[in-house]
Amino acid sequence: MTLLEDLWYGNIDPHEAILQNDKQFKNLLSLMGKTQDKLSDTLTERQKETLEKYDAAVNEMHSLAELSAFRYGFSLGVRLIAESISIQLTNEN
């Protein structure tokens, strides 16, 4: 299977590869979970529903921002490769 096929079929997850061993990320994730549990214990059911809707909106916003950054990064990488090849071809002639 090629790298592009692995990416297409979801066999490559850049988030997991980057954040899997990141201690700061793990600490923040743990802090968020503990803080959310404490907050949830103090809220009414209606407030919990409102918080869940807020969390869902924030998660969707982050997903859109990450997708945009991924697209830009991928496009930038391709342009850098194309420019490098063009320079190399120009220097050979």
PDB file of N, CA and C in Angstrom:
ATOM      1  N   MET A   1       0.859  -1.178   0.000  1.00  0.00           N
ATOM      2  CA  MET A   1       0.000   0.000   0.000  1.00  0.00           C
ATOM      3  C   MET A   1       0.903   1.238   0.000  1.00  0.00           C
ATOM      4  N   THR A   2       0.509   2.236  -0.767  1.00  0.00           N
ATOM      5  CA  THR A   2       1.302   3.462  -0.850  1.00  0.00           C
ATOM      6  C   THR A   2       0.968   4.396   0.308  1.00  0.00           C
ATOM      7  N   LEU A   3       1.812   5.396   0.490  1.00  0.00           N
ATOM      8  CA  LEU A   3       1.591   6.393   1.533  1.00  0.00           C
ATOM      9  C   LEU A   3       0.267   7.125   1.309  1.00  0.00           C
ATOM     10  N   LEU A   4      -0.021   7.462   0.063  1.00  0.00           N
ATOM     11  CA  LEU A   4      -1.287   8.137  -0.241  1.00  0.00           C
ATOM     12  C   LEU A   4      -2.487   7.251   0.071  1.00  0.00           C
ATOM     13  N   GLU A   5      -2.376   5.960  -0.230  1.00  0.00           N
ATOM     14  CA  GLU A   5      -3.466   5.038   0.093  1.00  0.00           C
ATOM     15  C   GLU A   5      -3.642   4.917   1.606  1.00  0.00           C
ATOM     16  N   ASP A   6      -2.541   4.836   2.334  1.00  0.00           N
ATOM     17  CA  ASP A   6      -2.632   4.791   3.801  1.00  0.00           C
ATOM     18  C   ASP A   6      -3.317   6.035   4.345  1.00  0.00           C
ATOM     19  N   LEU A   7      -2.969   7.196   3.796  1.00  0.00           N
ATOM     20  CA  LEU A   7      -3.593   8.443   4.230  1.00  0.00           C
ATOM     21  C   LEU A   7      -5.081   8.437   3.897  1.00  0.00           C
ATOM     22  N   TRP A   8      -5.420   8.002   2.676  1.00  0.00           N
ATOM     23  CA  TRP A   8      -6.817   7.959   2.238  1.00  0.00           C
ATOM     24  C   TRP A   8      -7.656   7.046   3.118  1.00  0.00           C
ATOM     25  N   TYR A   9      -7.153   5.856   3.417  1.00  0.00           N
ATOM     26  CA  TYR A   9      -7.914   4.878   4.186  1.00  0.00           C
ATOM     27  C   TYR A   9      -7.849   5.108   5.695  1.00  0.00           C
ATOM     28  N   GLY A  10      -7.200   6.168   6.114  1.00  0.00           N
ATOM     29  CA  GLY A  10      -7.165   6.498   7.536  1.00  0.00           C
ATOM     30  C   GLY A  10      -6.168   5.688   8.339  1.00  0.00           C
ATOM     31  N   ASN A  11      -5.231   5.053   7.661  1.00  0.00           N
ATOM     32  CA  ASN A  11      -4.210   4.288   8.369  1.00  0.00           C
ATOM     33  C   ASN A  11      -3.146   5.193   8.973  1.00  0.00           C
ATOM     34  N   ILE A  12      -3.117   6.424   8.528  1.00  0.00           N
ATOM     35  CA  ILE A  12      -2.189   7.420   9.062  1.00  0.00           C
ATOM     36  C   ILE A  12      -3.023   8.513   9.711  1.00  0.00           C
ATOM     37  N   ASP A  13      -2.771   8.758  10.963  1.00  0.00           N
ATOM     38  CA  ASP A  13      -3.471   9.820  11.683  1.00  0.00           C
ATOM     39  C   ASP A  13      -2.425  10.778  12.238  1.00  0.00           C
ATOM     40  N   PRO A  14      -2.219  11.912  11.562  1.00  0.00           N
ATOM     41  CA  PRO A  14      -1.189  12.848  12.004  1.00  0.00           C
ATOM     42  C   PRO A  14      -1.350  13.295  13.457  1.00  0.00           C
ATOM     43  N   HIS A  15      -2.586  13.398  13.926  1.00  0.00           N
ATOM     44  CA  HIS A  15      -2.806  13.825  15.305  1.00  0.00           C
ATOM     45  C   HIS A  15      -2.208  12.828  16.293  1.00  0.00           C
ATOM     46  N   GLU A  16      -2.465  11.562  16.043  1.00  0.00           N
ATOM     47  CA  GLU A  16      -1.942  10.533  16.937  1.00  0.00           C
ATOM     48  C   GLU A  16      -0.427  10.481  16.886  1.00  0.00           C
ATOM     49  N   ALA A  17       0.124  10.598  15.710  1.00  0.00           N
ATOM     50  CA  ALA A  17       1.575  10.519  15.572  1.00  0.00           C
ATOM     51  C   ALA A  17       2.266  11.684  16.267  1.00  0.00           C
ATOM     52  N   ILE A  18       1.667  12.844  16.219  1.00  0.00           N
ATOM     53  CA  ILE A  18       2.283  14.037  16.796  1.00  0.00           C
ATOM     54  C   ILE A  18       2.045  14.114  18.309  1.00  0.00           C
ATOM     55  N   LEU A  19       0.835  13.845  18.743  1.00  0.00           N
ATOM     56  CA  LEU A  19       0.470  14.084  20.139  1.00  0.00           C
ATOM     57  C   LEU A  19       0.583  12.855  21.028  1.00  0.00           C
ATOM     58  N   GLN A  20       0.789  11.701  20.462  1.00  0.00           N
ATOM     59  CA  GLN A  20       0.785  10.455  21.213  1.00  0.00           C
ATOM     60  C   GLN A  20       1.781  10.470  22.365  1.00  0.00           C
ATOM     61  N   ASN A  21       2.962  10.997  22.162  1.00  0.00           N
ATOM     62  CA  ASN A  21       3.994  10.990  23.191  1.00  0.00           C
ATOM     63  C   ASN A  21       4.280  12.373  23.757  1.00  0.00           C
ATOM     64  N   ASP A  22       3.382  13.313  23.515  1.00  0.00           N
ATOM     65  CA  ASP A  22       3.583  14.687  23.974  1.00  0.00           C
ATOM     66  C   ASP A  22       3.111  14.814  25.424  1.00  0.00           C
ATOM     67  N   LYS A  23       4.055  14.978  26.330  1.00  0.00           N
ATOM     68  CA  LYS A  23       3.740  15.037  27.764  1.00  0.00           C
ATOM     69  C   LYS A  23       2.844  16.237  28.098  1.00  0.00           C
ATOM     70  N   GLN A  24       3.127  17.375  27.498  1.00  0.00           N
ATOM     71  CA  GLN A  24       2.322  18.571  27.759  1.00  0.00           C
ATOM     72  C   GLN A  24       0.882  18.351  27.319  1.00  0.00           C
ATOM     73  N   PHE A  25       0.687  17.720  26.169  1.00  0.00           N
ATOM     74  CA  PHE A  25      -0.660  17.440  25.677  1.00  0.00           C
ATOM     75  C   PHE A  25      -1.394  16.506  26.632  1.00  0.00           C
ATOM     76  N   LYS A  26      -0.715  15.452  27.079  1.00  0.00           N
ATOM     77  CA  LYS A  26      -1.329  14.496  28.001  1.00  0.00           C
ATOM     78  C   LYS A  26      -1.716  15.172  29.311  1.00  0.00           C
ATOM     79  N   ASN A  27      -0.852  16.060  29.806  1.00  0.00           N
ATOM     80  CA  ASN A  27      -1.152  16.776  31.054  1.00  0.00           C
ATOM     81  C   ASN A  27      -2.362  17.687  30.891  1.00  0.00           C
ATOM     82  N   LEU A  28      -2.418  18.389  29.772  1.00  0.00           N
ATOM     83  CA  LEU A  28      -3.566  19.270  29.523  1.00  0.00           C
ATOM     84  C   LEU A  28      -4.856  18.477  29.368  1.00  0.00           C
ATOM     85  N   LEU A  29      -4.783  17.354  28.690  1.00  0.00           N
ATOM     86  CA  LEU A  29      -5.959  16.504  28.520  1.00  0.00           C
ATOM     87  C   LEU A  29      -6.461  16.002  29.869  1.00  0.00           C
ATOM     88  N   SER A  30      -5.545  15.604  30.733  1.00  0.00           N
ATOM     89  CA  SER A  30      -5.907  15.145  32.070  1.00  0.00           C
ATOM     90  C   SER A  30      -6.539  16.279  32.885  1.00  0.00           C
ATOM     91  N   LEU A  31      -5.934  17.463  32.819  1.00  0.00           N
ATOM     92  CA  LEU A  31      -6.465  18.625  33.542  1.00  0.00           C
ATOM     93  C   LEU A  31      -7.861  18.973  33.054  1.00  0.00           C
ATOM     94  N   MET A  32      -8.062  18.921  31.748  1.00  0.00           N
ATOM     95  CA  MET A  32      -9.386  19.217  31.190  1.00  0.00           C
ATOM     96  C   MET A  32     -10.425  18.227  31.699  1.00  0.00           C
ATOM     97  N   GLY A  33     -10.068  16.950  31.724  1.00  0.00           N
ATOM     98  CA  GLY A  33     -11.005  15.934  32.201  1.00  0.00           C
ATOM     99  C   GLY A  33     -11.370  16.128  33.659  1.00  0.00           C
ATOM    100  N   LYS A  34     -10.382  16.374  34.495  1.00  0.00           N
ATOM    101  CA  LYS A  34     -10.628  16.585  35.928  1.00  0.00           C
ATOM    102  C   LYS A  34     -11.476  17.831  36.155  1.00  0.00           C
ATOM    103  N   THR A  35     -11.151  18.901  35.427  1.00  0.00           N
ATOM    104  CA  THR A  35     -11.888  20.156  35.589  1.00  0.00           C
ATOM    105  C   THR A  35     -13.325  19.995  35.111  1.00  0.00           C
ATOM    106  N   GLN A  36     -13.512  19.291  34.022  1.00  0.00           N
ATOM    107  CA  GLN A  36     -14.869  19.075  33.516  1.00  0.00           C
ATOM    108  C   GLN A  36     -15.686  18.242  34.503  1.00  0.00           C
ATOM    109  N   ASP A  37     -15.074  17.229  35.101  1.00  0.00           N
ATOM    110  CA  ASP A  37     -15.777  16.410  36.092  1.00  0.00           C
ATOM    111  C   ASP A  37     -16.203  17.253  37.289  1.00  0.00           C
ATOM    112  N   LYS A  38     -15.307  18.116  37.778  1.00  0.00           N
ATOM    113  CA  LYS A  38     -15.631  18.987  38.919  1.00  0.00           C
ATOM    114  C   LYS A  38     -16.763  19.946  38.565  1.00  0.00           C
ATOM    115  N   LEU A  39     -16.672  20.519  37.383  1.00  0.00           N
ATOM    116  CA  LEU A  39     -17.703  21.455  36.945  1.00  0.00           C
ATOM    117  C   LEU A  39     -19.033  20.742  36.780  1.00  0.00           C
ATOM    118  N   SER A  40     -19.009  19.589  36.180  1.00  0.00           N
ATOM    119  CA  SER A  40     -20.229  18.829  35.935  1.00  0.00           C
ATOM    120  C   SER A  40     -20.947  18.480  37.234  1.00  0.00           C
ATOM    121  N   ASP A  41     -20.180  18.226  38.282  1.00  0.00           N
ATOM    122  CA  ASP A  41     -20.769  17.888  39.579  1.00  0.00           C
ATOM    123  C   ASP A  41     -21.558  19.050  40.182  1.00  0.00           C
ATOM    124  N   THR A  42     -21.276  20.274  39.736  1.00  0.00           N
ATOM    125  CA  THR A  42     -21.943  21.445  40.314  1.00  0.00           C
ATOM    126  C   THR A  42     -23.102  21.963  39.470  1.00  0.00           C
ATOM    127  N   LEU A  43     -23.308  21.379  38.291  1.00  0.00           N
ATOM    128  CA  LEU A  43     -24.314  21.899  37.369  1.00  0.00           C
ATOM    129  C   LEU A  43     -25.632  21.144  37.450  1.00  0.00           C
ATOM    130  N   THR A  44     -26.687  21.879  37.115  1.00  0.00           N
ATOM    131  CA  THR A  44     -27.997  21.236  36.971  1.00  0.00           C
ATOM    132  C   THR A  44     -28.014  20.476  35.651  1.00  0.00           C
ATOM    133  N   GLU A  45     -29.031  19.662  35.438  1.00  0.00           N
ATOM    134  CA  GLU A  45     -29.132  18.914  34.186  1.00  0.00           C
ATOM    135  C   GLU A  45     -29.218  19.853  32.984  1.00  0.00           C
ATOM    136  N   ARG A  46     -29.964  20.918  33.126  1.00  0.00           N
ATOM    137  CA  ARG A  46     -30.102  21.877  32.020  1.00  0.00           C
ATOM    138  C   ARG A  46     -28.762  22.553  31.722  1.00  0.00           C
ATOM    139  N   GLN A  47     -28.033  22.905  32.764  1.00  0.00           N
ATOM    140  CA  GLN A  47     -26.718  23.511  32.571  1.00  0.00           C
ATOM    141  C   GLN A  47     -25.742  22.520  31.935  1.00  0.00           C
ATOM    142  N   LYS A  48     -25.848  21.246  32.312  1.00  0.00           N
ATOM    143  CA  LYS A  48     -24.997  20.217  31.715  1.00  0.00           C
ATOM    144  C   LYS A  48     -25.275  20.093  30.218  1.00  0.00           C
ATOM    145  N   GLU A  49     -26.555  20.158  29.839  1.00  0.00           N
ATOM    146  CA  GLU A  49     -26.922  20.096  28.420  1.00  0.00           C
ATOM    147  C   GLU A  49     -26.343  21.280  27.661  1.00  0.00           C
ATOM    148  N   THR A  50     -26.406  22.464  28.275  1.00  0.00           N
ATOM    149  CA  THR A  50     -25.846  23.661  27.658  1.00  0.00           C
ATOM    150  C   THR A  50     -24.339  23.529  27.498  1.00  0.00           C
ATOM    151  N   LEU A  51     -23.664  23.014  28.517  1.00  0.00           N
ATOM    152  CA  LEU A  51     -22.221  22.800  28.445  1.00  0.00           C
ATOM    153  C   LEU A  51     -21.866  21.783  27.358  1.00  0.00           C
ATOM    154  N   GLU A  52     -22.657  20.737  27.231  1.00  0.00           N
ATOM    155  CA  GLU A  52     -22.409  19.736  26.189  1.00  0.00           C
ATOM    156  C   GLU A  52     -22.542  20.341  24.805  1.00  0.00           C
ATOM    157  N   LYS A  53     -23.536  21.211  24.609  1.00  0.00           N
ATOM    158  CA  LYS A  53     -23.711  21.882  23.322  1.00  0.00           C
ATOM    159  C   LYS A  53     -22.526  22.810  23.035  1.00  0.00           C
ATOM    160  N   TYR A  54     -22.076  23.496  24.071  1.00  0.00           N
ATOM    161  CA  TYR A  54     -20.912  24.376  23.931  1.00  0.00           C
ATOM    162  C   TYR A  54     -19.678  23.550  23.548  1.00  0.00           C
ATOM    163  N   ASP A  55     -19.443  22.462  24.259  1.00  0.00           N
ATOM    164  CA  ASP A  55     -18.301  21.584  23.973  1.00  0.00           C
ATOM    165  C   ASP A  55     -18.359  21.052  22.545  1.00  0.00           C
ATOM    166  N   ALA A  56     -19.545  20.670  22.089  1.00  0.00           N
ATOM    167  CA  ALA A  56     -19.696  20.158  20.729  1.00  0.00           C
ATOM    168  C   ALA A  56     -19.343  21.241  19.703  1.00  0.00           C
ATOM    169  N   ALA A  57     -19.781  22.471  19.958  1.00  0.00           N
ATOM    170  CA  ALA A  57     -19.475  23.577  19.044  1.00  0.00           C
ATOM    171  C   ALA A  57     -17.972  23.870  19.031  1.00  0.00           C
ATOM    172  N   VAL A  58     -17.341  23.853  20.192  1.00  0.00           N
ATOM    173  CA  VAL A  58     -15.897  24.089  20.269  1.00  0.00           C
ATOM    174  C   VAL A  58     -15.144  22.982  19.533  1.00  0.00           C
ATOM    175  N   ASN A  59     -15.561  21.740  19.730  1.00  0.00           N
ATOM    176  CA  ASN A  59     -14.908  20.624  19.046  1.00  0.00           C
ATOM    177  C   ASN A  59     -15.055  20.733  17.529  1.00  0.00           C
ATOM    178  N   GLU A  60     -16.225  21.131  17.065  1.00  0.00           N
ATOM    179  CA  GLU A  60     -16.436  21.298  15.630  1.00  0.00           C
ATOM    180  C   GLU A  60     -15.566  22.423  15.080  1.00  0.00           C
ATOM    181  N   MET A  61     -15.468  23.521  15.834  1.00  0.00           N
ATOM    182  CA  MET A  61     -14.636  24.643  15.418  1.00  0.00           C
ATOM    183  C   MET A  61     -13.169  24.205  15.327  1.00  0.00           C
ATOM    184  N   HIS A  62     -12.684  23.464  16.333  1.00  0.00           N
ATOM    185  CA  HIS A  62     -11.303  22.988  16.317  1.00  0.00           C
ATOM    186  C   HIS A  62     -11.062  22.044  15.135  1.00  0.00           C
ATOM    187  N   SER A  63     -12.025  21.197  14.847  1.00  0.00           N
ATOM    188  CA  SER A  63     -11.889  20.274  13.714  1.00  0.00           C
ATOM    189  C   SER A  63     -11.766  21.031  12.401  1.00  0.00           C
ATOM    190  N   LEU A  64     -12.586  22.069  12.234  1.00  0.00           N
ATOM    191  CA  LEU A  64     -12.518  22.873  11.015  1.00  0.00           C
ATOM    192  C   LEU A  64     -11.176  23.596  10.902  1.00  0.00           C
ATOM    193  N   ALA A  65     -10.690  24.129  12.021  1.00  0.00           N
ATOM    194  CA  ALA A  65      -9.397  24.824  12.021  1.00  0.00           C
ATOM    195  C   ALA A  65      -8.259  23.853  11.714  1.00  0.00           C
ATOM    196  N   GLU A  66      -8.317  22.658  12.281  1.00  0.00           N
ATOM    197  CA  GLU A  66      -7.282  21.654  12.022  1.00  0.00           C
ATOM    198  C   GLU A  66      -7.310  21.203  10.566  1.00  0.00           C
ATOM    199  N   LEU A  67      -8.487  21.031  10.007  1.00  0.00           N
ATOM    200  CA  LEU A  67      -8.611  20.656   8.601  1.00  0.00           C
ATOM    201  C   LEU A  67      -8.020  21.743   7.714  1.00  0.00           C
ATOM    202  N   SER A  68      -8.321  22.981   8.018  1.00  0.00           N
ATOM    203  CA  SER A  68      -7.788  24.091   7.239  1.00  0.00           C
ATOM    204  C   SER A  68      -6.261  24.137   7.325  1.00  0.00           C
ATOM    205  N   ALA A  69      -5.720  23.946   8.523  1.00  0.00           N
ATOM    206  CA  ALA A  69      -4.261  23.946   8.704  1.00  0.00           C
ATOM    207  C   ALA A  69      -3.631  22.777   7.956  1.00  0.00           C
ATOM    208  N   PHE A  70      -4.279  21.609   7.990  1.00  0.00           N
ATOM    209  CA  PHE A  70      -3.769  20.441   7.274  1.00  0.00           C
ATOM    210  C   PHE A  70      -3.740  20.701   5.776  1.00  0.00           C
ATOM    211  N   ARG A  71      -4.831  21.232   5.251  1.00  0.00           N
ATOM    212  CA  ARG A  71      -4.891  21.524   3.821  1.00  0.00           C
ATOM    213  C   ARG A  71      -3.795  22.506   3.415  1.00  0.00           C
ATOM    214  N   TYR A  72      -3.652  23.560   4.207  1.00  0.00           N
ATOM    215  CA  TYR A  72      -2.633  24.565   3.904  1.00  0.00           C
ATOM    216  C   TYR A  72      -1.240  23.949   3.970  1.00  0.00           C
ATOM    217  N   GLY A  73      -0.963  23.185   5.011  1.00  0.00           N
ATOM    218  CA  GLY A  73       0.346  22.556   5.170  1.00  0.00           C
ATOM    219  C   GLY A  73       0.651  21.600   4.037  1.00  0.00           C
ATOM    220  N   PHE A  74      -0.316  20.804   3.653  1.00  0.00           N
ATOM    221  CA  PHE A  74      -0.124  19.859   2.553  1.00  0.00           C
ATOM    222  C   PHE A  74       0.143  20.610   1.257  1.00  0.00           C
ATOM    223  N   SER A  75      -0.647  21.627   0.983  1.00  0.00           N
ATOM    224  CA  SER A  75      -0.479  22.428  -0.222  1.00  0.00           C
ATOM    225  C   SER A  75       0.885  23.123  -0.225  1.00  0.00           C
ATOM    226  N   LEU A  76       1.286  23.658   0.896  1.00  0.00           N
ATOM    227  CA  LEU A  76       2.579  24.322   1.001  1.00  0.00           C
ATOM    228  C   LEU A  76       3.712  23.331   0.731  1.00  0.00           C
ATOM    229  N   GLY A  77       3.601  22.147   1.272  1.00  0.00           N
ATOM    230  CA  GLY A  77       4.609  21.124   1.041  1.00  0.00           C
ATOM    231  C   GLY A  77       4.729  20.764  -0.430  1.00  0.00           C
ATOM    232  N   VAL A  78       3.601  20.605  -1.095  1.00  0.00           N
ATOM    233  CA  VAL A  78       3.610  20.280  -2.520  1.00  0.00           C
ATOM    234  C   VAL A  78       4.234  21.423  -3.320  1.00  0.00           C
ATOM    235  N   ARG A  79       3.900  22.655  -2.977  1.00  0.00           N
ATOM    236  CA  ARG A  79       4.480  23.797  -3.692  1.00  0.00           C
ATOM    237  C   ARG A  79       5.987  23.878  -3.473  1.00  0.00           C
ATOM    238  N   LEU A  80       6.441  23.586  -2.251  1.00  0.00           N
ATOM    239  CA  LEU A  80       7.880  23.589  -1.974  1.00  0.00           C
ATOM    240  C   LEU A  80       8.604  22.531  -2.801  1.00  0.00           C
ATOM    241  N   ILE A  81       8.008  21.355  -2.905  1.00  0.00           N
ATOM    242  CA  ILE A  81       8.609  20.290  -3.711  1.00  0.00           C
ATOM    243  C   ILE A  81       8.654  20.705  -5.182  1.00  0.00           C
ATOM    244  N   ALA A  82       7.549  21.254  -5.680  1.00  0.00           N
ATOM    245  CA  ALA A  82       7.493  21.677  -7.084  1.00  0.00           C
ATOM    246  C   ALA A  82       8.545  22.755  -7.355  1.00  0.00           C
ATOM    247  N   GLU A  83       8.686  23.702  -6.446  1.00  0.00           N
ATOM    248  CA  GLU A  83       9.680  24.755  -6.630  1.00  0.00           C
ATOM    249  C   GLU A  83      11.098  24.179  -6.576  1.00  0.00           C
ATOM    250  N   SER A  84      11.330  23.254  -5.676  1.00  0.00           N
ATOM    251  CA  SER A  84      12.651  22.626  -5.582  1.00  0.00           C
ATOM    252  C   SER A  84      13.002  21.886  -6.863  1.00  0.00           C
ATOM    253  N   ILE A  85      12.046  21.170  -7.418  1.00  0.00           N
ATOM    254  CA  ILE A  85      12.278  20.447  -8.669  1.00  0.00           C
ATOM    255  C   ILE A  85      12.540  21.438  -9.799  1.00  0.00           C
ATOM    256  N   SER A  86      11.753  22.512  -9.834  1.00  0.00           N
ATOM    257  CA  SER A  86      11.925  23.537 -10.879  1.00  0.00           C
ATOM    258  C   SER A  86      13.314  24.165 -10.795  1.00  0.00           C
ATOM    259  N   ILE A  87      13.779  24.478  -9.617  1.00  0.00           N
ATOM    260  CA  ILE A  87      15.117  25.056  -9.437  1.00  0.00           C
ATOM    261  C   ILE A  87      16.176  24.061  -9.885  1.00  0.00           C
ATOM    262  N   GLN A  88      16.010  22.816  -9.501  1.00  0.00           N
ATOM    263  CA  GLN A  88      16.970  21.782  -9.874  1.00  0.00           C
ATOM    264  C   GLN A  88      17.036  21.624 -11.388  1.00  0.00           C
ATOM    265  N   LEU A  89      15.879  21.616 -12.046  1.00  0.00           N
ATOM    266  CA  LEU A  89      15.838  21.483 -13.503  1.00  0.00           C
ATOM    267  C   LEU A  89      16.467  22.696 -14.178  1.00  0.00           C
ATOM    268  N   THR A  90      16.231  23.879 -13.641  1.00  0.00           N
ATOM    269  CA  THR A  90      16.803  25.096 -14.186  1.00  0.00           C
ATOM    270  C   THR A  90      18.327  25.078 -14.061  1.00  0.00           C
ATOM    271  N   ASN A  91      18.817  24.629 -12.934  1.00  0.00           N
ATOM    272  CA  ASN A  91      20.272  24.585 -12.697  1.00  0.00           C
ATOM    273  C   ASN A  91      20.956  23.544 -13.578  1.00  0.00           C
ATOM    274  N   GLU A  92      20.244  22.508 -13.981  1.00  0.00           N
ATOM    275  CA  GLU A  92      20.822  21.465 -14.815  1.00  0.00           C
ATOM    276  C   GLU A  92      20.960  21.928 -16.270  1.00  0.00           C
ATOM    277  N   ASN A  93      20.160  22.892 -16.665  1.00  0.00           N
ATOM    278  CA  ASN A  93      20.182  23.365 -18.057  1.00  0.00           C
ATOM    279  C   ASN A  93      21.109  24.509 -18.226  1.00  0.00           C
TER     280      ASN A  93
END
